Amino acid sequence: MEFIIILLVVCAVAAALLISRFSHHGNPFPFHKRQQLFTVVERSFLQLLERAVGEKYKIINRVKLADVLELKENADDKSRRAAMQKLNAKYLDYVLCNTEDMSIVAVIDLVNNSNLQGHKAVPDWFVQGALETAGIPYVRMKVKAGYTVADIQQGLAAKLGNIPMAPSPLIKGTVKRGPTRPVRPLAGSTPNLPTPMAKPQTPALVQVS
């Protein structure tokens, strides 16, 4: 009887070890689904970016730098290996492409420099130098709360030129037109005083060189 109990205990321990080894070491797929593909900031910026460029460009997200650049044929083996290792390790937030042939137009990276651990707070000299060498406009945009479509268009304009603004929505109803002829002021009326100029507002989204 004791031998059977000991045998059962040994079998149970062996089965537990086997299950533990399979689940932690031997399982080739130790994954689970992410809750969200984008962070809140990335998702909000993507929605504004889509509105900012309209149908002029296609937007591709999270592109590997190796998919944007390729090595020159005359590169030596040592330089090729080192460059490819860096190209495969770098990711770009957004890539603007031509809608007709999907050719690369520009690259956009979000910058959160609220602290040194912020997303791409420190400029990556390799990414910037590689894109500039290849002639691809590189836009780094500092993210702040409350940025608008106009702020994004302003940031892109420095690199890509002016982007057509989206048309203003039409408001249904009648609009009362003003008089077509000058109106004589009433006697004793208070003269019009100059309206004080409003203070310029700081844009919420700033292009970072």
N, C-alpha and C. Protein backbone atom coordinates (compact mmCIF):
# COMPACT_ATOMS: atom_id res chain seq x y z
N MET A 1 0.83 -1.21 0.00
CA MET A 1 0.00 0.00 0.00
C MET A 1 0.87 1.26 0.00
N GLU A 2 1.91 1.22 0.85
CA GLU A 2 2.81 2.37 0.89
C GLU A 2 3.53 2.55 -0.45
N PHE A 3 3.86 1.42 -1.08
CA PHE A 3 4.56 1.50 -2.36
C PHE A 3 3.67 2.18 -3.41
N ILE A 4 2.37 1.87 -3.39
CA ILE A 4 1.44 2.47 -4.35
C ILE A 4 1.31 3.97 -4.11
N ILE A 5 1.26 4.37 -2.82
CA ILE A 5 1.16 5.79 -2.51
C ILE A 5 2.40 6.54 -2.98
N ILE A 6 3.56 5.94 -2.69
CA ILE A 6 4.82 6.57 -3.12
C ILE A 6 4.87 6.67 -4.63
N LEU A 7 4.42 5.64 -5.32
CA LEU A 7 4.42 5.65 -6.77
C LEU A 7 3.49 6.74 -7.32
N LEU A 8 2.34 6.90 -6.70
CA LEU A 8 1.40 7.95 -7.14
C LEU A 8 1.98 9.35 -6.92
N VAL A 9 2.66 9.54 -5.80
CA VAL A 9 3.29 10.84 -5.52
C VAL A 9 4.37 11.14 -6.54
N VAL A 10 5.20 10.13 -6.84
CA VAL A 10 6.26 10.32 -7.84
C VAL A 10 5.67 10.65 -9.21
N CYS A 11 4.62 9.96 -9.58
CA CYS A 11 3.97 10.24 -10.88
C CYS A 11 3.40 11.65 -10.91
N ALA A 12 2.80 12.09 -9.80
CA ALA A 12 2.22 13.42 -9.75
C ALA A 12 3.31 14.49 -9.87
N VAL A 13 4.44 14.27 -9.17
CA VAL A 13 5.54 15.24 -9.26
C VAL A 13 6.11 15.27 -10.66
N ALA A 14 6.27 14.12 -11.28
CA ALA A 14 6.80 14.06 -12.64
C ALA A 14 5.86 14.75 -13.62
N ALA A 15 4.56 14.53 -13.46
CA ALA A 15 3.60 15.17 -14.35
C ALA A 15 3.61 16.69 -14.17
N ALA A 16 3.75 17.16 -12.92
CA ALA A 16 3.79 18.60 -12.67
C ALA A 16 5.04 19.23 -13.30
N LEU A 17 6.18 18.53 -13.17
CA LEU A 17 7.40 19.04 -13.77
C LEU A 17 7.30 19.08 -15.29
N LEU A 18 6.67 18.04 -15.85
CA LEU A 18 6.51 17.99 -17.30
C LEU A 18 5.61 19.11 -17.80
N ILE A 19 4.52 19.36 -17.10
CA ILE A 19 3.60 20.43 -17.49
C ILE A 19 4.28 21.79 -17.36
N SER A 20 5.02 21.97 -16.24
CA SER A 20 5.70 23.25 -16.04
C SER A 20 6.75 23.49 -17.12
N ARG A 21 7.49 22.45 -17.47
CA ARG A 21 8.51 22.60 -18.51
C ARG A 21 7.89 22.92 -19.86
N PHE A 22 6.76 22.31 -20.16
CA PHE A 22 6.12 22.53 -21.45
C PHE A 22 5.53 23.94 -21.53
N SER A 23 4.94 24.40 -20.41
CA SER A 23 4.25 25.69 -20.43
C SER A 23 5.22 26.86 -20.41
N HIS A 24 6.40 26.69 -19.82
CA HIS A 24 7.31 27.82 -19.67
C HIS A 24 8.53 27.73 -20.57
N HIS A 25 8.97 26.55 -20.89
CA HIS A 25 10.20 26.41 -21.65
C HIS A 25 9.98 25.78 -23.02
N GLY A 26 9.10 24.81 -23.10
CA GLY A 26 8.94 24.10 -24.35
C GLY A 26 7.82 24.65 -25.24
N ASN A 27 7.03 25.59 -24.73
CA ASN A 27 5.93 26.13 -25.52
C ASN A 27 6.46 27.12 -26.56
N PRO A 28 6.29 26.84 -27.86
CA PRO A 28 6.84 27.75 -28.88
C PRO A 28 5.99 29.01 -29.06
N PHE A 29 4.81 29.10 -28.42
CA PHE A 29 3.93 30.26 -28.60
C PHE A 29 3.52 30.82 -27.24
N PRO A 30 4.44 31.38 -26.46
CA PRO A 30 4.09 31.94 -25.15
C PRO A 30 3.54 33.35 -25.27
N PHE A 31 2.39 33.49 -25.95
CA PHE A 31 1.85 34.82 -26.24
C PHE A 31 0.41 34.94 -25.78
N HIS A 32 -0.04 36.18 -25.70
CA HIS A 32 -1.46 36.49 -25.57
C HIS A 32 -1.72 37.80 -26.28
N LYS A 33 -2.97 38.06 -26.58
CA LYS A 33 -3.35 39.22 -27.39
C LYS A 33 -3.17 40.51 -26.60
N ARG A 34 -2.65 41.54 -27.28
CA ARG A 34 -2.59 42.86 -26.68
C ARG A 34 -4.01 43.42 -26.54
N GLN A 35 -4.21 44.24 -25.52
CA GLN A 35 -5.52 44.84 -25.33
C GLN A 35 -5.79 45.92 -26.38
N GLN A 36 -4.77 46.69 -26.74
CA GLN A 36 -4.92 47.75 -27.73
C GLN A 36 -3.71 47.76 -28.66
N LEU A 37 -3.95 48.04 -29.93
CA LEU A 37 -2.85 48.13 -30.88
C LEU A 37 -2.10 49.44 -30.73
N PHE A 38 -2.82 50.53 -30.40
CA PHE A 38 -2.21 51.84 -30.24
C PHE A 38 -2.48 52.37 -28.84
N THR A 39 -1.60 53.25 -28.39
CA THR A 39 -1.88 53.96 -27.15
C THR A 39 -2.94 55.03 -27.42
N VAL A 40 -3.44 55.64 -26.37
CA VAL A 40 -4.46 56.69 -26.53
C VAL A 40 -3.90 57.86 -27.34
N VAL A 41 -2.65 58.24 -27.07
CA VAL A 41 -2.03 59.35 -27.79
C VAL A 41 -1.84 58.99 -29.27
N GLU A 42 -1.35 57.79 -29.53
CA GLU A 42 -1.13 57.37 -30.92
C GLU A 42 -2.44 57.31 -31.70
N ARG A 43 -3.48 56.80 -31.06
CA ARG A 43 -4.77 56.69 -31.74
C ARG A 43 -5.36 58.07 -32.01
N SER A 44 -5.28 58.98 -31.04
CA SER A 44 -5.80 60.32 -31.24
C SER A 44 -5.05 61.06 -32.33
N PHE A 45 -3.72 60.92 -32.33
CA PHE A 45 -2.92 61.60 -33.35
C PHE A 45 -3.21 61.04 -34.73
N LEU A 46 -3.39 59.72 -34.82
CA LEU A 46 -3.69 59.10 -36.11
C LEU A 46 -5.00 59.65 -36.68
N GLN A 47 -6.01 59.80 -35.85
CA GLN A 47 -7.29 60.33 -36.32
C GLN A 47 -7.14 61.76 -36.83
N LEU A 48 -6.36 62.57 -36.11
CA LEU A 48 -6.14 63.95 -36.56
C LEU A 48 -5.29 63.99 -37.82
N LEU A 49 -4.29 63.11 -37.91
CA LEU A 49 -3.43 63.07 -39.08
C LEU A 49 -4.22 62.67 -40.33
N GLU A 50 -5.14 61.73 -40.19
CA GLU A 50 -5.98 61.33 -41.31
C GLU A 50 -6.83 62.50 -41.80
N ARG A 51 -7.34 63.29 -40.87
CA ARG A 51 -8.13 64.46 -41.26
C ARG A 51 -7.24 65.55 -41.86
N ALA A 52 -6.00 65.64 -41.38
CA ALA A 52 -5.10 66.69 -41.85
C ALA A 52 -4.66 66.47 -43.30
N VAL A 53 -4.38 65.23 -43.67
CA VAL A 53 -3.89 64.96 -45.02
C VAL A 53 -5.02 64.59 -45.97
N GLY A 54 -6.19 64.23 -45.42
CA GLY A 54 -7.33 63.91 -46.28
C GLY A 54 -7.03 62.73 -47.20
N GLU A 55 -7.39 62.90 -48.46
CA GLU A 55 -7.16 61.86 -49.46
C GLU A 55 -5.87 62.07 -50.23
N LYS A 56 -5.06 63.02 -49.78
CA LYS A 56 -3.83 63.32 -50.51
C LYS A 56 -2.77 62.25 -50.29
N TYR A 57 -2.71 61.68 -49.08
CA TYR A 57 -1.70 60.67 -48.75
C TYR A 57 -2.35 59.48 -48.06
N LYS A 58 -1.69 58.34 -48.19
CA LYS A 58 -2.03 57.16 -47.40
C LYS A 58 -1.11 57.13 -46.18
N ILE A 59 -1.62 56.64 -45.07
CA ILE A 59 -0.85 56.60 -43.83
C ILE A 59 -0.60 55.14 -43.44
N ILE A 60 0.68 54.79 -43.31
CA ILE A 60 1.07 53.45 -42.86
C ILE A 60 1.67 53.60 -41.47
N ASN A 61 1.27 52.71 -40.55
CA ASN A 61 1.69 52.84 -39.16
C ASN A 61 2.75 51.81 -38.80
N ARG A 62 3.66 52.24 -37.93
CA ARG A 62 4.66 51.37 -37.35
C ARG A 62 5.41 50.57 -38.41
N VAL A 63 6.16 51.28 -39.17
CA VAL A 63 6.90 50.69 -40.27
C VAL A 63 8.36 50.52 -39.85
N LYS A 64 8.93 49.37 -40.16
CA LYS A 64 10.34 49.15 -39.86
C LYS A 64 11.19 49.99 -40.81
N LEU A 65 12.27 50.56 -40.29
CA LEU A 65 13.14 51.40 -41.11
C LEU A 65 13.72 50.61 -42.28
N ALA A 66 13.88 49.31 -42.11
CA ALA A 66 14.41 48.46 -43.19
C ALA A 66 13.42 48.34 -44.34
N ASP A 67 12.13 48.63 -44.10
CA ASP A 67 11.14 48.59 -45.17
C ASP A 67 11.11 49.90 -45.95
N VAL A 68 11.76 50.94 -45.41
CA VAL A 68 11.78 52.25 -46.06
C VAL A 68 13.08 52.47 -46.81
N LEU A 69 14.17 51.95 -46.26
CA LEU A 69 15.49 52.15 -46.86
C LEU A 69 16.10 50.82 -47.27
N GLU A 70 16.95 50.85 -48.26
CA GLU A 70 17.71 49.68 -48.66
C GLU A 70 19.17 50.07 -48.86
N LEU A 71 20.05 49.10 -48.71
CA LEU A 71 21.49 49.37 -48.78
C LEU A 71 21.94 49.58 -50.21
N LYS A 72 22.99 50.38 -50.34
CA LYS A 72 23.60 50.57 -51.65
C LYS A 72 24.37 49.32 -52.05
N GLU A 73 24.47 49.11 -53.33
CA GLU A 73 25.13 47.90 -53.82
C GLU A 73 26.63 47.90 -53.53
N ASN A 74 27.24 49.08 -53.44
CA ASN A 74 28.69 49.13 -53.26
C ASN A 74 29.10 49.11 -51.79
N ALA A 75 28.17 48.85 -50.87
CA ALA A 75 28.51 48.80 -49.45
C ALA A 75 29.30 47.53 -49.15
N ASP A 76 30.35 47.66 -48.33
CA ASP A 76 31.15 46.49 -47.97
C ASP A 76 30.40 45.64 -46.96
N ASP A 77 30.88 44.41 -46.77
CA ASP A 77 30.17 43.44 -45.94
C ASP A 77 30.03 43.90 -44.49
N LYS A 78 31.10 44.49 -43.95
CA LYS A 78 31.06 44.93 -42.56
C LYS A 78 30.04 46.05 -42.37
N SER A 79 30.07 47.02 -43.25
CA SER A 79 29.11 48.12 -43.17
C SER A 79 27.69 47.62 -43.42
N ARG A 80 27.54 46.66 -44.31
CA ARG A 80 26.22 46.12 -44.63
C ARG A 80 25.60 45.44 -43.41
N ARG A 81 26.40 44.62 -42.71
CA ARG A 81 25.88 43.90 -41.54
C ARG A 81 25.50 44.88 -40.42
N ALA A 82 26.36 45.86 -40.17
CA ALA A 82 26.07 46.82 -39.11
C ALA A 82 24.85 47.67 -39.45
N ALA A 83 24.74 48.10 -40.70
CA ALA A 83 23.61 48.93 -41.10
C ALA A 83 22.30 48.15 -41.07
N MET A 84 22.31 46.92 -41.53
CA MET A 84 21.08 46.12 -41.54
C MET A 84 20.61 45.83 -40.13
N GLN A 85 21.55 45.63 -39.20
CA GLN A 85 21.16 45.39 -37.82
C GLN A 85 20.43 46.59 -37.25
N LYS A 86 20.91 47.79 -37.58
CA LYS A 86 20.25 49.01 -37.09
C LYS A 86 18.93 49.24 -37.82
N LEU A 87 18.89 48.98 -39.11
CA LEU A 87 17.66 49.19 -39.87
C LEU A 87 16.54 48.31 -39.34
N ASN A 88 16.85 47.08 -38.99
CA ASN A 88 15.82 46.16 -38.51
C ASN A 88 15.39 46.46 -37.08
N ALA A 89 16.19 47.24 -36.34
CA ALA A 89 15.87 47.53 -34.95
C ALA A 89 15.09 48.83 -34.78
N LYS A 90 14.97 49.63 -35.86
CA LYS A 90 14.31 50.93 -35.77
C LYS A 90 12.91 50.87 -36.36
N TYR A 91 11.96 51.51 -35.66
CA TYR A 91 10.58 51.57 -36.14
C TYR A 91 10.15 53.03 -36.25
N LEU A 92 9.33 53.29 -37.26
CA LEU A 92 8.81 54.63 -37.52
C LEU A 92 7.32 54.65 -37.18
N ASP A 93 6.85 55.74 -36.59
CA ASP A 93 5.45 55.80 -36.15
C ASP A 93 4.49 55.85 -37.33
N TYR A 94 4.72 56.78 -38.26
CA TYR A 94 3.82 56.95 -39.41
C TYR A 94 4.64 57.24 -40.67
N VAL A 95 4.21 56.66 -41.77
CA VAL A 95 4.83 56.91 -43.07
C VAL A 95 3.74 57.38 -44.02
N LEU A 96 3.94 58.55 -44.62
CA LEU A 96 3.00 59.06 -45.62
C LEU A 96 3.40 58.55 -46.99
N CYS A 97 2.44 58.02 -47.74
CA CYS A 97 2.70 57.46 -49.05
C CYS A 97 1.79 58.10 -50.09
N ASN A 98 2.27 58.11 -51.33
CA ASN A 98 1.47 58.59 -52.44
C ASN A 98 0.28 57.67 -52.65
N THR A 99 -0.90 58.22 -52.85
CA THR A 99 -2.10 57.39 -52.98
C THR A 99 -2.12 56.58 -54.27
N GLU A 100 -1.40 57.02 -55.29
CA GLU A 100 -1.45 56.34 -56.58
C GLU A 100 -0.51 55.14 -56.65
N ASP A 101 0.75 55.34 -56.27
CA ASP A 101 1.73 54.26 -56.41
C ASP A 101 2.33 53.83 -55.08
N MET A 102 1.86 54.38 -53.95
CA MET A 102 2.33 54.06 -52.60
C MET A 102 3.83 54.34 -52.43
N SER A 103 4.35 55.28 -53.20
CA SER A 103 5.74 55.69 -53.00
C SER A 103 5.84 56.51 -51.71
N ILE A 104 7.01 56.47 -51.10
CA ILE A 104 7.22 57.11 -49.80
C ILE A 104 7.34 58.61 -49.97
N VAL A 105 6.56 59.35 -49.18
CA VAL A 105 6.56 60.81 -49.25
C VAL A 105 7.28 61.42 -48.06
N ALA A 106 6.98 60.94 -46.86
CA ALA A 106 7.58 61.50 -45.65
C ALA A 106 7.42 60.53 -44.50
N VAL A 107 8.17 60.78 -43.43
CA VAL A 107 8.11 59.98 -42.21
C VAL A 107 7.80 60.91 -41.05
N ILE A 108 6.89 60.46 -40.17
CA ILE A 108 6.50 61.25 -38.99
C ILE A 108 6.72 60.41 -37.74
N ASP A 109 7.40 61.00 -36.77
CA ASP A 109 7.58 60.37 -35.46
C ASP A 109 6.99 61.27 -34.39
N LEU A 110 6.31 60.66 -33.42
CA LEU A 110 5.79 61.41 -32.28
C LEU A 110 6.89 61.56 -31.23
N VAL A 111 6.88 62.71 -30.58
CA VAL A 111 7.91 63.01 -29.58
C VAL A 111 7.21 63.38 -28.28
N ASN A 112 7.53 62.66 -27.23
CA ASN A 112 7.02 62.98 -25.90
C ASN A 112 8.21 63.22 -24.99
N ASN A 113 8.62 64.46 -24.87
CA ASN A 113 9.81 64.78 -24.09
C ASN A 113 9.49 65.35 -22.73
N SER A 114 8.38 64.88 -22.15
CA SER A 114 8.05 65.31 -20.79
C SER A 114 9.09 64.82 -19.80
N ASN A 115 9.76 63.75 -20.15
CA ASN A 115 10.89 63.27 -19.35
C ASN A 115 11.83 62.52 -20.28
N LEU A 116 13.00 62.18 -19.78
CA LEU A 116 14.01 61.54 -20.62
C LEU A 116 13.58 60.14 -21.06
N GLN A 117 12.61 59.55 -20.35
CA GLN A 117 12.12 58.24 -20.74
C GLN A 117 10.92 58.34 -21.68
N GLY A 118 10.59 59.55 -22.15
CA GLY A 118 9.46 59.74 -23.04
C GLY A 118 9.71 59.10 -24.39
N HIS A 119 8.62 58.88 -25.14
CA HIS A 119 8.71 58.20 -26.43
C HIS A 119 9.53 59.02 -27.42
N LYS A 120 10.71 58.53 -27.78
CA LYS A 120 11.60 59.17 -28.76
C LYS A 120 11.90 60.61 -28.37
N ALA A 121 12.07 60.85 -27.07
CA ALA A 121 12.36 62.20 -26.61
C ALA A 121 13.72 62.67 -27.11
N VAL A 122 14.68 61.76 -27.15
CA VAL A 122 16.02 62.09 -27.62
C VAL A 122 16.09 61.78 -29.11
N PRO A 123 16.48 62.74 -29.95
CA PRO A 123 16.57 62.49 -31.39
C PRO A 123 17.51 61.33 -31.70
N ASP A 124 17.08 60.48 -32.60
CA ASP A 124 17.89 59.34 -33.03
C ASP A 124 18.73 59.79 -34.22
N TRP A 125 20.02 59.95 -34.01
CA TRP A 125 20.88 60.46 -35.08
C TRP A 125 20.94 59.52 -36.25
N PHE A 126 20.82 58.20 -35.99
CA PHE A 126 20.91 57.24 -37.10
C PHE A 126 19.68 57.34 -37.99
N VAL A 127 18.49 57.39 -37.37
CA VAL A 127 17.25 57.48 -38.15
C VAL A 127 17.22 58.78 -38.95
N GLN A 128 17.52 59.88 -38.28
CA GLN A 128 17.48 61.18 -38.95
C GLN A 128 18.51 61.26 -40.07
N GLY A 129 19.72 60.80 -39.81
CA GLY A 129 20.76 60.85 -40.84
C GLY A 129 20.46 59.94 -42.01
N ALA A 130 19.93 58.75 -41.73
CA ALA A 130 19.62 57.80 -42.80
C ALA A 130 18.52 58.34 -43.71
N LEU A 131 17.46 58.90 -43.11
CA LEU A 131 16.36 59.43 -43.91
C LEU A 131 16.80 60.65 -44.72
N GLU A 132 17.59 61.53 -44.10
CA GLU A 132 18.06 62.70 -44.83
C GLU A 132 18.97 62.31 -45.99
N THR A 133 19.82 61.31 -45.78
CA THR A 133 20.69 60.84 -46.86
C THR A 133 19.88 60.28 -48.02
N ALA A 134 18.77 59.62 -47.70
CA ALA A 134 17.92 59.04 -48.75
C ALA A 134 16.97 60.06 -49.35
N GLY A 135 16.97 61.29 -48.83
CA GLY A 135 16.09 62.32 -49.37
C GLY A 135 14.64 62.19 -48.95
N ILE A 136 14.39 61.58 -47.80
CA ILE A 136 13.01 61.41 -47.29
C ILE A 136 12.77 62.44 -46.20
N PRO A 137 11.79 63.33 -46.35
CA PRO A 137 11.49 64.31 -45.29
C PRO A 137 11.13 63.62 -43.98
N TYR A 138 11.74 64.10 -42.91
CA TYR A 138 11.54 63.51 -41.59
C TYR A 138 10.97 64.57 -40.66
N VAL A 139 9.77 64.33 -40.13
CA VAL A 139 9.07 65.29 -39.27
C VAL A 139 8.92 64.68 -37.90
N ARG A 140 9.45 65.36 -36.89
CA ARG A 140 9.25 64.96 -35.50
C ARG A 140 8.29 65.94 -34.87
N MET A 141 7.18 65.44 -34.34
CA MET A 141 6.15 66.31 -33.79
C MET A 141 6.00 66.09 -32.29
N LYS A 142 6.10 67.20 -31.58
CA LYS A 142 5.96 67.17 -30.13
C LYS A 142 4.49 67.13 -29.77
N VAL A 143 4.12 66.14 -28.99
CA VAL A 143 2.71 65.94 -28.64
C VAL A 143 2.36 66.72 -27.38
N LYS A 144 1.28 67.48 -27.46
CA LYS A 144 0.72 68.17 -26.31
C LYS A 144 -0.79 68.01 -26.32
N ALA A 145 -1.39 68.22 -25.18
CA ALA A 145 -2.85 68.10 -25.09
C ALA A 145 -3.52 69.22 -25.87
N GLY A 146 -4.58 68.87 -26.59
CA GLY A 146 -5.39 69.87 -27.26
C GLY A 146 -4.93 70.25 -28.64
N TYR A 147 -4.03 69.47 -29.27
CA TYR A 147 -3.63 69.83 -30.63
C TYR A 147 -4.77 69.59 -31.61
N THR A 148 -4.71 70.30 -32.74
CA THR A 148 -5.79 70.29 -33.71
C THR A 148 -5.27 69.87 -35.08
N VAL A 149 -6.20 69.73 -36.01
CA VAL A 149 -5.84 69.40 -37.39
C VAL A 149 -4.97 70.51 -37.98
N ALA A 150 -5.31 71.76 -37.69
CA ALA A 150 -4.53 72.88 -38.21
C ALA A 150 -3.09 72.85 -37.67
N ASP A 151 -2.91 72.43 -36.43
CA ASP A 151 -1.57 72.34 -35.86
C ASP A 151 -0.73 71.31 -36.61
N ILE A 152 -1.34 70.18 -36.94
CA ILE A 152 -0.62 69.14 -37.67
C ILE A 152 -0.28 69.61 -39.07
N GLN A 153 -1.23 70.27 -39.73
CA GLN A 153 -0.96 70.78 -41.06
C GLN A 153 0.15 71.83 -41.04
N GLN A 154 0.20 72.61 -39.99
CA GLN A 154 1.26 73.60 -39.86
C GLN A 154 2.61 72.92 -39.68
N GLY A 155 2.65 71.84 -38.92
CA GLY A 155 3.89 71.12 -38.73
C GLY A 155 4.38 70.44 -39.99
N LEU A 156 3.45 69.93 -40.80
CA LEU A 156 3.82 69.25 -42.04
C LEU A 156 4.21 70.24 -43.13
N ALA A 157 3.67 71.46 -43.06
CA ALA A 157 3.89 72.43 -44.13
C ALA A 157 5.36 72.79 -44.29
N ALA A 158 6.11 72.79 -43.19
CA ALA A 158 7.53 73.16 -43.26
C ALA A 158 8.33 72.16 -44.09
N LYS A 159 7.89 70.91 -44.12
CA LYS A 159 8.61 69.87 -44.86
C LYS A 159 7.98 69.54 -46.20
N LEU A 160 6.65 69.59 -46.27
CA LEU A 160 5.96 69.11 -47.47
C LEU A 160 5.26 70.21 -48.24
N GLY A 161 5.27 71.44 -47.73
CA GLY A 161 4.49 72.49 -48.37
C GLY A 161 3.09 72.50 -47.79
N ASN A 162 2.30 73.45 -48.24
CA ASN A 162 0.95 73.61 -47.72
C ASN A 162 0.06 72.44 -48.12
N ILE A 163 -0.71 71.96 -47.17
CA ILE A 163 -1.68 70.90 -47.40
C ILE A 163 -3.06 71.54 -47.43
N PRO A 164 -3.88 71.25 -48.45
CA PRO A 164 -5.20 71.87 -48.54
C PRO A 164 -6.03 71.64 -47.28
N MET A 165 -6.59 72.71 -46.74
CA MET A 165 -7.43 72.60 -45.56
C MET A 165 -8.76 71.96 -45.92
N ALA A 166 -9.31 71.21 -44.99
CA ALA A 166 -10.63 70.62 -45.20
C ALA A 166 -11.67 71.72 -45.26
N PRO A 167 -12.66 71.62 -46.17
CA PRO A 167 -13.68 72.67 -46.28
C PRO A 167 -14.50 72.77 -45.02
N SER A 168 -14.91 73.99 -44.68
CA SER A 168 -15.74 74.22 -43.50
C SER A 168 -17.12 73.62 -43.71
N PRO A 169 -17.72 73.03 -42.68
CA PRO A 169 -19.06 72.43 -42.85
C PRO A 169 -20.09 73.50 -43.15
N LEU A 170 -21.04 73.14 -44.00
CA LEU A 170 -22.11 74.06 -44.36
C LEU A 170 -23.17 74.05 -43.27
N ILE A 171 -23.65 75.23 -42.92
CA ILE A 171 -24.68 75.36 -41.88
C ILE A 171 -26.01 75.61 -42.57
N LYS A 172 -26.96 74.73 -42.31
CA LYS A 172 -28.26 74.88 -42.92
C LYS A 172 -29.01 76.06 -42.30
N GLY A 173 -29.88 76.69 -43.12
CA GLY A 173 -30.67 77.81 -42.62
C GLY A 173 -30.35 79.08 -43.39
N THR A 174 -31.11 80.11 -43.12
CA THR A 174 -30.90 81.37 -43.81
C THR A 174 -29.94 82.23 -43.02
N VAL A 175 -29.16 83.00 -43.72
CA VAL A 175 -28.21 83.92 -43.11
C VAL A 175 -28.65 85.33 -43.43
N LYS A 176 -28.83 86.14 -42.41
CA LYS A 176 -29.27 87.52 -42.60
C LYS A 176 -28.11 88.36 -43.09
N ARG A 177 -28.24 88.90 -44.27
CA ARG A 177 -27.18 89.71 -44.86
C ARG A 177 -27.23 91.13 -44.28
N GLY A 178 -26.09 91.76 -44.25
CA GLY A 178 -26.01 93.12 -43.77
C GLY A 178 -26.45 94.10 -44.84
N PRO A 179 -26.57 95.38 -44.53
CA PRO A 179 -27.00 96.39 -45.51
C PRO A 179 -25.96 96.54 -46.61
N THR A 180 -26.45 96.78 -47.82
CA THR A 180 -25.56 96.94 -48.97
C THR A 180 -25.12 98.39 -49.13
N ARG A 181 -25.78 99.35 -48.44
CA ARG A 181 -25.42 100.76 -48.51
C ARG A 181 -24.97 101.25 -47.14
N PRO A 182 -24.11 102.26 -47.11
CA PRO A 182 -23.69 102.80 -45.81
C PRO A 182 -24.88 103.31 -45.02
N VAL A 183 -24.85 103.09 -43.74
CA VAL A 183 -25.92 103.53 -42.85
C VAL A 183 -25.44 104.72 -42.06
N ARG A 184 -26.25 105.80 -42.04
CA ARG A 184 -25.87 107.02 -41.32
C ARG A 184 -25.97 106.77 -39.82
N PRO A 185 -24.92 107.10 -39.08
CA PRO A 185 -24.97 106.85 -37.63
C PRO A 185 -26.01 107.72 -36.97
N LEU A 186 -26.61 107.22 -35.89
CA LEU A 186 -27.62 107.94 -35.13
C LEU A 186 -26.97 109.06 -34.34
N ALA A 187 -27.72 110.14 -34.15
CA ALA A 187 -27.20 111.28 -33.39
C ALA A 187 -26.98 110.88 -31.95
N GLY A 188 -25.85 111.35 -31.42
CA GLY A 188 -25.55 111.07 -30.03
C GLY A 188 -25.04 109.68 -29.75
N SER A 189 -24.78 108.93 -30.81
CA SER A 189 -24.28 107.57 -30.59
C SER A 189 -22.84 107.61 -30.15
N THR A 190 -22.42 106.63 -29.40
CA THR A 190 -21.04 106.54 -28.89
C THR A 190 -20.12 106.13 -30.01
N PRO A 191 -19.01 106.86 -30.23
CA PRO A 191 -18.09 106.47 -31.31
C PRO A 191 -17.50 105.09 -31.05
N ASN A 192 -17.22 104.41 -32.16
CA ASN A 192 -16.66 103.06 -32.04
C ASN A 192 -15.24 103.14 -31.50
N LEU A 193 -14.97 102.34 -30.50
CA LEU A 193 -13.63 102.28 -29.92
C LEU A 193 -12.85 101.14 -30.56
N PRO A 194 -11.54 101.32 -30.71
CA PRO A 194 -10.75 100.23 -31.30
C PRO A 194 -10.80 98.98 -30.45
N THR A 195 -10.96 97.87 -31.11
CA THR A 195 -11.03 96.59 -30.41
C THR A 195 -9.64 96.13 -30.03
N PRO A 196 -9.39 95.78 -28.78
CA PRO A 196 -8.03 95.33 -28.40
C PRO A 196 -7.68 94.04 -29.11
N MET A 197 -6.42 93.95 -29.50
CA MET A 197 -5.96 92.76 -30.22
C MET A 197 -5.84 91.60 -29.25
N ALA A 198 -6.29 90.44 -29.73
CA ALA A 198 -6.21 89.25 -28.90
C ALA A 198 -4.79 88.74 -28.87
N LYS A 199 -4.41 88.17 -27.74
CA LYS A 199 -3.06 87.62 -27.61
C LYS A 199 -2.92 86.36 -28.46
N PRO A 200 -1.82 86.23 -29.20
CA PRO A 200 -1.65 85.01 -30.02
C PRO A 200 -1.52 83.78 -29.15
N GLN A 201 -2.16 82.74 -29.56
CA GLN A 201 -2.12 81.49 -28.82
C GLN A 201 -0.96 80.63 -29.30
N THR A 202 -0.33 79.98 -28.35
CA THR A 202 0.78 79.10 -28.70
C THR A 202 0.24 77.82 -29.30
N PRO A 203 0.71 77.42 -30.47
CA PRO A 203 0.20 76.18 -31.07
C PRO A 203 0.46 74.99 -30.17
N ALA A 204 -0.49 74.07 -30.14
CA ALA A 204 -0.38 72.93 -29.25
C ALA A 204 0.52 71.84 -29.81
N LEU A 205 0.77 71.88 -31.10
CA LEU A 205 1.62 70.87 -31.71
C LEU A 205 2.77 71.58 -32.39
N VAL A 206 3.98 71.24 -32.04
CA VAL A 206 5.15 71.94 -32.53
C VAL A 206 6.03 70.99 -33.31
N GLN A 207 6.54 71.46 -34.45
CA GLN A 207 7.47 70.65 -35.21
C GLN A 207 8.83 70.74 -34.55
N VAL A 208 9.47 69.61 -34.37
CA VAL A 208 10.79 69.55 -33.75
C VAL A 208 11.80 69.20 -34.80
N SER A 209 12.84 70.00 -34.92
CA SER A 209 13.86 69.73 -35.94
C SER A 209 14.77 68.60 -35.49
